[in-house]
Amino acid sequence: MVCKNGANVLPAHLLAEVQKYINGELIYVPKKQNKKAEWGQLSGTKTVLKERNEEIYKLYLEGVSVSELADMYFLSCETIKKIVYGKKKKKAM
């Protein structure tokens, strides 16, 4: 962290206002908060997984079994069930 003299970086009116609250003491000014993107949005992973899960659900509706889907996509049966049953709940709403 670099310390800077407020008189050198702040306009005079703003410096005077700050001095009303804290005069001659150190103060930390945090960086602006930049909202971070959700997981997988920058890399495209989120989109790829969404498309994969839609495909899994479609195949399930066409009659492909959970174990066959697990083998096809190299996932566990439990993961396939979460995808399929999660889609069922969303479609019902």
C-alpha atoms as a PDB file:
ATOM      1  CA  MET A   1       0.000   0.000   0.000  1.00  0.00           C
ATOM      2  CA  VAL A   2       1.350   3.411  -0.967  1.00  0.00           C
ATOM      3  CA  CYS A   3       0.693   6.462   1.210  1.00  0.00           C
ATOM      4  CA  LYS A   4      -0.029   9.710  -0.610  1.00  0.00           C
ATOM      5  CA  ASN A   5      -0.409  13.211   0.728  1.00  0.00           C
ATOM      6  CA  GLY A   6      -4.066  14.216   0.537  1.00  0.00           C
ATOM      7  CA  ALA A   7      -3.063  17.786  -0.327  1.00  0.00           C
ATOM      8  CA  ASN A   8      -1.384  16.456  -3.466  1.00  0.00           C
ATOM      9  CA  VAL A   9      -4.225  14.199  -4.698  1.00  0.00           C
ATOM     10  CA  LEU A  10      -7.488  15.758  -3.493  1.00  0.00           C
ATOM     11  CA  PRO A  11      -9.114  19.013  -4.585  1.00  0.00           C
ATOM     12  CA  ALA A  12      -8.944  21.686  -1.871  1.00  0.00           C
ATOM     13  CA  HIS A  13     -12.675  21.621  -1.107  1.00  0.00           C
ATOM     14  CA  LEU A  14     -12.655  17.834  -0.717  1.00  0.00           C
ATOM     15  CA  LEU A  15      -9.539  17.924   1.466  1.00  0.00           C
ATOM     16  CA  ALA A  16     -11.215  20.491   3.727  1.00  0.00           C
ATOM     17  CA  GLU A  17     -14.292  18.254   4.008  1.00  0.00           C
ATOM     18  CA  VAL A  18     -12.230  15.182   4.900  1.00  0.00           C
ATOM     19  CA  GLN A  19     -10.284  17.200   7.493  1.00  0.00           C
ATOM     20  CA  LYS A  20     -13.571  17.878   9.316  1.00  0.00           C
ATOM     21  CA  TYR A  21     -13.810  14.170  10.102  1.00  0.00           C
ATOM     22  CA  ILE A  22     -10.195  13.059  10.336  1.00  0.00           C
ATOM     23  CA  ASN A  23      -7.459  15.652  10.749  1.00  0.00           C
ATOM     24  CA  GLY A  24      -3.831  14.591  10.468  1.00  0.00           C
ATOM     25  CA  GLU A  25      -4.531  10.867  10.880  1.00  0.00           C
ATOM     26  CA  LEU A  26      -4.195   8.007   8.429  1.00  0.00           C
ATOM     27  CA  ILE A  27      -7.250   6.823   6.545  1.00  0.00           C
ATOM     28  CA  TYR A  28      -7.652   3.883   4.178  1.00  0.00           C
ATOM     29  CA  VAL A  29      -9.661   4.475   1.003  1.00  0.00           C
ATOM     30  CA  PRO A  30     -10.787   1.139  -0.451  1.00  0.00           C
ATOM     31  CA  LYS A  31     -10.774   0.410  -4.162  1.00  0.00           C
ATOM     32  CA  LYS A  32     -14.009   0.634  -6.102  1.00  0.00           C
ATOM     33  CA  GLN A  33     -15.851  -2.659  -5.987  1.00  0.00           C
ATOM     34  CA  ASN A  34     -15.960  -4.213  -9.427  1.00  0.00           C
ATOM     35  CA  LYS A  35     -18.659  -6.827  -9.628  1.00  0.00           C
ATOM     36  CA  LYS A  36     -17.015 -10.088 -10.556  1.00  0.00           C
ATOM     37  CA  ALA A  37     -18.548 -12.296 -13.177  1.00  0.00           C
ATOM     38  CA  GLU A  38     -20.246 -15.458 -11.988  1.00  0.00           C
ATOM     39  CA  TRP A  39     -18.329 -18.691 -12.074  1.00  0.00           C
ATOM     40  CA  GLY A  40     -17.673 -19.919 -15.606  1.00  0.00           C
ATOM     41  CA  GLN A  41     -18.968 -16.881 -17.454  1.00  0.00           C
ATOM     42  CA  LEU A  42     -15.626 -15.463 -18.543  1.00  0.00           C
ATOM     43  CA  SER A  43     -14.255 -18.803 -19.726  1.00  0.00           C
ATOM     44  CA  GLY A  44     -17.529 -20.016 -21.252  1.00  0.00           C
ATOM     45  CA  THR A  45     -17.594 -23.117 -19.036  1.00  0.00           C
ATOM     46  CA  LYS A  46     -21.027 -22.261 -17.657  1.00  0.00           C
ATOM     47  CA  THR A  47     -22.515 -22.174 -21.164  1.00  0.00           C
ATOM     48  CA  VAL A  48     -20.829 -25.422 -22.180  1.00  0.00           C
ATOM     49  CA  LEU A  49     -22.151 -27.243 -19.088  1.00  0.00           C
ATOM     50  CA  LYS A  50     -25.650 -25.849 -19.604  1.00  0.00           C
ATOM     51  CA  GLU A  51     -25.681 -27.132 -23.190  1.00  0.00           C
ATOM     52  CA  ARG A  52     -24.323 -30.521 -22.079  1.00  0.00           C
ATOM     53  CA  ASN A  53     -27.002 -30.824 -19.393  1.00  0.00           C
ATOM     54  CA  GLU A  54     -29.752 -29.925 -21.873  1.00  0.00           C
ATOM     55  CA  GLU A  55     -28.441 -32.640 -24.176  1.00  0.00           C
ATOM     56  CA  ILE A  56     -28.384 -35.165 -21.326  1.00  0.00           C
ATOM     57  CA  TYR A  57     -31.973 -34.305 -20.406  1.00  0.00           C
ATOM     58  CA  LYS A  58     -33.111 -34.604 -24.040  1.00  0.00           C
ATOM     59  CA  LEU A  59     -31.490 -38.031 -24.378  1.00  0.00           C
ATOM     60  CA  TYR A  60     -33.076 -39.120 -21.087  1.00  0.00           C
ATOM     61  CA  LEU A  61     -36.506 -38.117 -22.399  1.00  0.00           C
ATOM     62  CA  GLU A  62     -35.786 -40.158 -25.547  1.00  0.00           C
ATOM     63  CA  GLY A  63     -35.294 -43.234 -23.382  1.00  0.00           C
ATOM     64  CA  VAL A  64     -31.564 -43.424 -22.756  1.00  0.00           C
ATOM     65  CA  SER A  65     -30.981 -44.857 -19.269  1.00  0.00           C
ATOM     66  CA  VAL A  66     -29.164 -43.090 -16.455  1.00  0.00           C
ATOM     67  CA  SER A  67     -26.327 -45.635 -16.506  1.00  0.00           C
ATOM     68  CA  GLU A  68     -25.916 -45.301 -20.288  1.00  0.00           C
ATOM     69  CA  LEU A  69     -25.782 -41.503 -19.962  1.00  0.00           C
ATOM     70  CA  ALA A  70     -23.213 -41.817 -17.172  1.00  0.00           C
ATOM     71  CA  ASP A  71     -21.019 -43.945 -19.441  1.00  0.00           C
ATOM     72  CA  MET A  72     -21.494 -41.626 -22.423  1.00  0.00           C
ATOM     73  CA  TYR A  73     -20.575 -38.458 -20.537  1.00  0.00           C
ATOM     74  CA  PHE A  74     -18.065 -39.960 -18.086  1.00  0.00           C
ATOM     75  CA  LEU A  75     -20.180 -38.865 -15.112  1.00  0.00           C
ATOM     76  CA  SER A  76     -21.522 -40.759 -12.127  1.00  0.00           C
ATOM     77  CA  CYS A  77     -25.091 -42.009 -12.105  1.00  0.00           C
ATOM     78  CA  GLU A  78     -25.774 -39.651  -9.193  1.00  0.00           C
ATOM     79  CA  THR A  79     -24.641 -36.657 -11.237  1.00  0.00           C
ATOM     80  CA  ILE A  80     -26.855 -37.704 -14.150  1.00  0.00           C
ATOM     81  CA  LYS A  81     -29.794 -38.077 -11.755  1.00  0.00           C
ATOM     82  CA  LYS A  82     -29.188 -34.566 -10.383  1.00  0.00           C
ATOM     83  CA  ILE A  83     -29.172 -33.164 -13.901  1.00  0.00           C
ATOM     84  CA  VAL A  84     -32.250 -35.074 -15.054  1.00  0.00           C
ATOM     85  CA  TYR A  85     -34.354 -34.662 -11.927  1.00  0.00           C
ATOM     86  CA  GLY A  86     -33.303 -31.025 -11.570  1.00  0.00           C
ATOM     87  CA  LYS A  87     -34.504 -30.342 -15.113  1.00  0.00           C
ATOM     88  CA  LYS A  88     -37.792 -32.114 -14.382  1.00  0.00           C
ATOM     89  CA  LYS A  89     -38.434 -29.808 -11.415  1.00  0.00           C
ATOM     90  CA  LYS A  90     -37.632 -26.676 -13.453  1.00  0.00           C
ATOM     91  CA  LYS A  91     -39.850 -27.801 -16.343  1.00  0.00           C
ATOM     92  CA  ALA A  92     -42.750 -28.469 -13.939  1.00  0.00           C
ATOM     93  CA  MET A  93     -42.598 -24.927 -12.492  1.00  0.00           C
END
